[in-house]
Amino acid sequence: MAVPKRRTGKTRKRKRRTHFKLKVEGLTTCSNCGTLIPSHTVCPECGFYKGEEVIVKNN
C-alpha cells in the first residue's frame, strides 16, 4: 500500500488546488437597463437584445 514518506506542505497542496475552481460565465451588462446578463441572451428584465426589443413586456 502506498504511504507518503513526508507530509504534503501547505504550499504544494495549494499549488495543486489552484486548478479546482469554478468557471465564471461571461456576464455583460444590458445596453438598455444595465442589469448583468449572460452573453448572447435576451435580457429577462426589459426584453431587449442588441438594442432591439425582442420580448414586449406589458407593465
PDB file of N, CA and C in Angstrom:
ATOM      1  N   MET A   1       0.838  -1.172   0.000  1.00  0.00           N
ATOM      2  CA  MET A   1       0.000   0.000   0.000  1.00  0.00           C
ATOM      3  C   MET A   1       0.887   1.241   0.000  1.00  0.00           C
ATOM      4  N   ALA A   2       0.538   2.224  -0.816  1.00  0.00           N
ATOM      5  CA  ALA A   2       1.352   3.425  -0.942  1.00  0.00           C
ATOM      6  C   ALA A   2       1.068   4.380   0.216  1.00  0.00           C
ATOM      7  N   VAL A   3       2.128   4.693   0.950  1.00  0.00           N
ATOM      8  CA  VAL A   3       2.013   5.617   2.073  1.00  0.00           C
ATOM      9  C   VAL A   3       3.048   6.711   1.861  1.00  0.00           C
ATOM     10  N   PRO A   4       2.668   7.984   1.967  1.00  0.00           N
ATOM     11  CA  PRO A   4       3.638   9.054   1.756  1.00  0.00           C
ATOM     12  C   PRO A   4       4.713   9.058   2.840  1.00  0.00           C
ATOM     13  N   LYS A   5       5.951   9.296   2.408  1.00  0.00           N
ATOM     14  CA  LYS A   5       7.053   9.338   3.365  1.00  0.00           C
ATOM     15  C   LYS A   5       7.038  10.617   4.177  1.00  0.00           C
ATOM     16  N   ARG A   6       6.657  11.714   3.524  1.00  0.00           N
ATOM     17  CA  ARG A   6       6.653  13.013   4.204  1.00  0.00           C
ATOM     18  C   ARG A   6       5.288  13.667   4.039  1.00  0.00           C
ATOM     19  N   ARG A   7       5.007  14.550   4.957  1.00  0.00           N
ATOM     20  CA  ARG A   7       3.748  15.284   4.923  1.00  0.00           C
ATOM     21  C   ARG A   7       3.752  16.264   3.749  1.00  0.00           C
ATOM     22  N   THR A   8       2.609  16.402   3.067  1.00  0.00           N
ATOM     23  CA  THR A   8       2.494  17.364   1.972  1.00  0.00           C
ATOM     24  C   THR A   8       2.389  18.762   2.571  1.00  0.00           C
ATOM     25  N   GLY A   9       3.273  19.654   2.125  1.00  0.00           N
ATOM     26  CA  GLY A   9       3.288  21.017   2.660  1.00  0.00           C
ATOM     27  C   GLY A   9       2.111  21.846   2.187  1.00  0.00           C
ATOM     28  N   LYS A  10       1.853  22.948   2.899  1.00  0.00           N
ATOM     29  CA  LYS A  10       0.731  23.833   2.566  1.00  0.00           C
ATOM     30  C   LYS A  10       0.879  24.416   1.160  1.00  0.00           C
ATOM     31  N   THR A  11       2.088  24.848   0.822  1.00  0.00           N
ATOM     32  CA  THR A  11       2.303  25.478  -0.468  1.00  0.00           C
ATOM     33  C   THR A  11       2.083  24.489  -1.601  1.00  0.00           C
ATOM     34  N   ARG A  12       2.608  23.290  -1.468  1.00  0.00           N
ATOM     35  CA  ARG A  12       2.450  22.272  -2.511  1.00  0.00           C
ATOM     36  C   ARG A  12       0.977  21.899  -2.675  1.00  0.00           C
ATOM     37  N   LYS A  13       0.275  21.782  -1.571  1.00  0.00           N
ATOM     38  CA  LYS A  13      -1.151  21.439  -1.600  1.00  0.00           C
ATOM     39  C   LYS A  13      -1.949  22.552  -2.270  1.00  0.00           C
ATOM     40  N   ARG A  14      -1.635  23.805  -1.947  1.00  0.00           N
ATOM     41  CA  ARG A  14      -2.377  24.939  -2.503  1.00  0.00           C
ATOM     42  C   ARG A  14      -2.063  25.148  -3.982  1.00  0.00           C
ATOM     43  N   LYS A  15      -0.817  24.857  -4.397  1.00  0.00           N
ATOM     44  CA  LYS A  15      -0.474  24.944  -5.815  1.00  0.00           C
ATOM     45  C   LYS A  15      -1.260  23.907  -6.617  1.00  0.00           C
ATOM     46  N   ARG A  16      -1.429  22.737  -6.062  1.00  0.00           N
ATOM     47  CA  ARG A  16      -2.167  21.681  -6.740  1.00  0.00           C
ATOM     48  C   ARG A  16      -3.643  22.048  -6.851  1.00  0.00           C
ATOM     49  N   ARG A  17      -4.168  22.731  -5.848  1.00  0.00           N
ATOM     50  CA  ARG A  17      -5.589  23.055  -5.812  1.00  0.00           C
ATOM     51  C   ARG A  17      -5.956  24.336  -6.561  1.00  0.00           C
ATOM     52  N   THR A  18      -4.986  24.999  -7.185  1.00  0.00           N
ATOM     53  CA  THR A  18      -5.307  26.233  -7.907  1.00  0.00           C
ATOM     54  C   THR A  18      -6.198  25.965  -9.102  1.00  0.00           C
ATOM     55  N   HIS A  19      -6.195  24.744  -9.618  1.00  0.00           N
ATOM     56  CA  HIS A  19      -6.996  24.417 -10.791  1.00  0.00           C
ATOM     57  C   HIS A  19      -8.396  23.946 -10.419  1.00  0.00           C
ATOM     58  N   PHE A  20      -8.679  23.749  -9.125  1.00  0.00           N
ATOM     59  CA  PHE A  20     -10.008  23.329  -8.688  1.00  0.00           C
ATOM     60  C   PHE A  20     -10.848  24.571  -8.456  1.00  0.00           C
ATOM     61  N   LYS A  21     -11.301  25.186  -9.510  1.00  0.00           N
ATOM     62  CA  LYS A  21     -12.055  26.423  -9.355  1.00  0.00           C
ATOM     63  C   LYS A  21     -13.252  26.403 -10.293  1.00  0.00           C
ATOM     64  N   LEU A  22     -14.244  27.206  -9.971  1.00  0.00           N
ATOM     65  CA  LEU A  22     -15.434  27.320 -10.799  1.00  0.00           C
ATOM     66  C   LEU A  22     -15.175  28.293 -11.935  1.00  0.00           C
ATOM     67  N   LYS A  23     -15.729  27.999 -13.094  1.00  0.00           N
ATOM     68  CA  LYS A  23     -15.600  28.908 -14.217  1.00  0.00           C
ATOM     69  C   LYS A  23     -16.713  29.937 -14.142  1.00  0.00           C
ATOM     70  N   VAL A  24     -16.366  31.178 -14.370  1.00  0.00           N
ATOM     71  CA  VAL A  24     -17.339  32.257 -14.346  1.00  0.00           C
ATOM     72  C   VAL A  24     -17.879  32.438 -15.760  1.00  0.00           C
ATOM     73  N   GLU A  25     -19.191  32.463 -15.878  1.00  0.00           N
ATOM     74  CA  GLU A  25     -19.800  32.699 -17.178  1.00  0.00           C
ATOM     75  C   GLU A  25     -19.503  34.113 -17.634  1.00  0.00           C
ATOM     76  N   GLY A  26     -19.494  34.308 -18.946  1.00  0.00           N
ATOM     77  CA  GLY A  26     -19.267  35.646 -19.478  1.00  0.00           C
ATOM     78  C   GLY A  26     -20.486  36.518 -19.268  1.00  0.00           C
ATOM     79  N   LEU A  27     -20.444  37.357 -18.250  1.00  0.00           N
ATOM     80  CA  LEU A  27     -21.563  38.240 -17.976  1.00  0.00           C
ATOM     81  C   LEU A  27     -21.313  39.598 -18.608  1.00  0.00           C
ATOM     82  N   THR A  28     -22.358  40.164 -19.197  1.00  0.00           N
ATOM     83  CA  THR A  28     -22.280  41.505 -19.764  1.00  0.00           C
ATOM     84  C   THR A  28     -23.423  42.337 -19.206  1.00  0.00           C
ATOM     85  N   THR A  29     -23.365  43.627 -19.425  1.00  0.00           N
ATOM     86  CA  THR A  29     -24.449  44.487 -18.964  1.00  0.00           C
ATOM     87  C   THR A  29     -25.409  44.736 -20.117  1.00  0.00           C
ATOM     88  N   CYS A  30     -26.675  44.792 -19.803  1.00  0.00           N
ATOM     89  CA  CYS A  30     -27.709  45.071 -20.798  1.00  0.00           C
ATOM     90  C   CYS A  30     -27.542  46.508 -21.272  1.00  0.00           C
ATOM     91  N   SER A  31     -27.604  46.703 -22.577  1.00  0.00           N
ATOM     92  CA  SER A  31     -27.420  48.056 -23.132  1.00  0.00           C
ATOM     93  C   SER A  31     -28.608  48.963 -22.833  1.00  0.00           C
ATOM     94  N   ASN A  32     -29.761  48.379 -22.511  1.00  0.00           N
ATOM     95  CA  ASN A  32     -30.956  49.176 -22.261  1.00  0.00           C
ATOM     96  C   ASN A  32     -31.118  49.513 -20.775  1.00  0.00           C
ATOM     97  N   CYS A  33     -31.093  48.474 -19.903  1.00  0.00           N
ATOM     98  CA  CYS A  33     -31.380  48.723 -18.483  1.00  0.00           C
ATOM     99  C   CYS A  33     -30.158  48.601 -17.572  1.00  0.00           C
ATOM    100  N   GLY A  34     -29.070  47.975 -18.052  1.00  0.00           N
ATOM    101  CA  GLY A  34     -27.834  47.923 -17.278  1.00  0.00           C
ATOM    102  C   GLY A  34     -27.704  46.747 -16.323  1.00  0.00           C
ATOM    103  N   THR A  35     -28.626  45.785 -16.346  1.00  0.00           N
ATOM    104  CA  THR A  35     -28.502  44.621 -15.467  1.00  0.00           C
ATOM    105  C   THR A  35     -27.502  43.635 -16.045  1.00  0.00           C
ATOM    106  N   LEU A  36     -26.898  42.815 -15.183  1.00  0.00           N
ATOM    107  CA  LEU A  36     -25.948  41.805 -15.630  1.00  0.00           C
ATOM    108  C   LEU A  36     -26.700  40.618 -16.203  1.00  0.00           C
ATOM    109  N   ILE A  37     -26.348  40.222 -17.434  1.00  0.00           N
ATOM    110  CA  ILE A  37     -26.976  39.090 -18.103  1.00  0.00           C
ATOM    111  C   ILE A  37     -25.894  38.245 -18.764  1.00  0.00           C
ATOM    112  N   PRO A  38     -26.130  36.944 -19.003  1.00  0.00           N
ATOM    113  CA  PRO A  38     -25.171  36.137 -19.763  1.00  0.00           C
ATOM    114  C   PRO A  38     -25.057  36.657 -21.201  1.00  0.00           C
ATOM    115  N   SER A  39     -23.908  36.476 -21.805  1.00  0.00           N
ATOM    116  CA  SER A  39     -23.681  36.952 -23.168  1.00  0.00           C
ATOM    117  C   SER A  39     -24.620  36.258 -24.148  1.00  0.00           C
ATOM    118  N   HIS A  40     -24.993  36.953 -25.199  1.00  0.00           N
ATOM    119  CA  HIS A  40     -25.801  36.431 -26.305  1.00  0.00           C
ATOM    120  C   HIS A  40     -27.171  35.931 -25.852  1.00  0.00           C
ATOM    121  N   THR A  41     -27.789  36.585 -24.875  1.00  0.00           N
ATOM    122  CA  THR A  41     -29.129  36.226 -24.430  1.00  0.00           C
ATOM    123  C   THR A  41     -29.998  37.477 -24.328  1.00  0.00           C
ATOM    124  N   VAL A  42     -31.297  37.248 -24.405  1.00  0.00           N
ATOM    125  CA  VAL A  42     -32.244  38.343 -24.251  1.00  0.00           C
ATOM    126  C   VAL A  42     -32.306  38.705 -22.772  1.00  0.00           C
ATOM    127  N   CYS A  43     -32.366  39.993 -22.475  1.00  0.00           N
ATOM    128  CA  CYS A  43     -32.437  40.458 -21.090  1.00  0.00           C
ATOM    129  C   CYS A  43     -33.797  40.071 -20.504  1.00  0.00           C
ATOM    130  N   PRO A  44     -33.811  39.340 -19.393  1.00  0.00           N
ATOM    131  CA  PRO A  44     -35.093  38.947 -18.798  1.00  0.00           C
ATOM    132  C   PRO A  44     -35.822  40.114 -18.138  1.00  0.00           C
ATOM    133  N   GLU A  45     -35.108  41.185 -17.815  1.00  0.00           N
ATOM    134  CA  GLU A  45     -35.727  42.334 -17.145  1.00  0.00           C
ATOM    135  C   GLU A  45     -36.512  43.210 -18.115  1.00  0.00           C
ATOM    136  N   CYS A  46     -35.886  43.560 -19.257  1.00  0.00           N
ATOM    137  CA  CYS A  46     -36.532  44.514 -20.169  1.00  0.00           C
ATOM    138  C   CYS A  46     -36.899  43.911 -21.517  1.00  0.00           C
ATOM    139  N   GLY A  47     -36.363  42.731 -21.865  1.00  0.00           N
ATOM    140  CA  GLY A  47     -36.715  42.078 -23.120  1.00  0.00           C
ATOM    141  C   GLY A  47     -35.955  42.586 -24.333  1.00  0.00           C
ATOM    142  N   PHE A  48     -34.832  43.275 -24.118  1.00  0.00           N
ATOM    143  CA  PHE A  48     -34.042  43.803 -25.232  1.00  0.00           C
ATOM    144  C   PHE A  48     -32.878  42.885 -25.546  1.00  0.00           C
ATOM    145  N   TYR A  49     -32.484  42.834 -26.832  1.00  0.00           N
ATOM    146  CA  TYR A  49     -31.296  42.100 -27.276  1.00  0.00           C
ATOM    147  C   TYR A  49     -30.636  42.925 -28.366  1.00  0.00           C
ATOM    148  N   LYS A  50     -29.390  43.293 -28.169  1.00  0.00           N
ATOM    149  CA  LYS A  50     -28.610  44.118 -29.108  1.00  0.00           C
ATOM    150  C   LYS A  50     -29.330  45.410 -29.469  1.00  0.00           C
ATOM    151  N   GLY A  51     -29.961  46.040 -28.481  1.00  0.00           N
ATOM    152  CA  GLY A  51     -30.596  47.328 -28.694  1.00  0.00           C
ATOM    153  C   GLY A  51     -31.986  47.275 -29.307  1.00  0.00           C
ATOM    154  N   GLU A  52     -32.493  46.073 -29.574  1.00  0.00           N
ATOM    155  CA  GLU A  52     -33.828  45.942 -30.150  1.00  0.00           C
ATOM    156  C   GLU A  52     -34.742  45.221 -29.170  1.00  0.00           C
ATOM    157  N   GLU A  53     -36.003  45.641 -29.112  1.00  0.00           N
ATOM    158  CA  GLU A  53     -36.960  44.992 -28.210  1.00  0.00           C
ATOM    159  C   GLU A  53     -37.438  43.692 -28.854  1.00  0.00           C
ATOM    160  N   VAL A  54     -37.143  42.582 -28.203  1.00  0.00           N
ATOM    161  CA  VAL A  54     -37.491  41.268 -28.721  1.00  0.00           C
ATOM    162  C   VAL A  54     -38.751  40.751 -28.037  1.00  0.00           C
ATOM    163  N   ILE A  55     -38.818  40.918 -26.720  1.00  0.00           N
ATOM    164  CA  ILE A  55     -39.967  40.474 -25.939  1.00  0.00           C
ATOM    165  C   ILE A  55     -40.678  41.718 -25.444  1.00  0.00           C
ATOM    166  N   VAL A  56     -41.965  41.841 -25.769  1.00  0.00           N
ATOM    167  CA  VAL A  56     -42.750  43.007 -25.336  1.00  0.00           C
ATOM    168  C   VAL A  56     -43.270  42.737 -23.942  1.00  0.00           C
ATOM    169  N   LYS A  57     -42.897  43.600 -22.982  1.00  0.00           N
ATOM    170  CA  LYS A  57     -43.355  43.478 -21.599  1.00  0.00           C
ATOM    171  C   LYS A  57     -44.558  44.375 -21.393  1.00  0.00           C
ATOM    172  N   ASN A  58     -45.630  43.853 -20.804  1.00  0.00           N
ATOM    173  CA  ASN A  58     -46.824  44.644 -20.500  1.00  0.00           C
ATOM    174  C   ASN A  58     -46.783  45.068 -19.041  1.00  0.00           C
ATOM    175  N   ASN A  59     -46.302  46.282 -18.783  1.00  0.00           N
ATOM    176  CA  ASN A  59     -46.222  46.799 -17.407  1.00  0.00           C
ATOM    177  C   ASN A  59     -47.145  47.971 -17.230  1.00  0.00           C
TER     178      ASN A  59
END
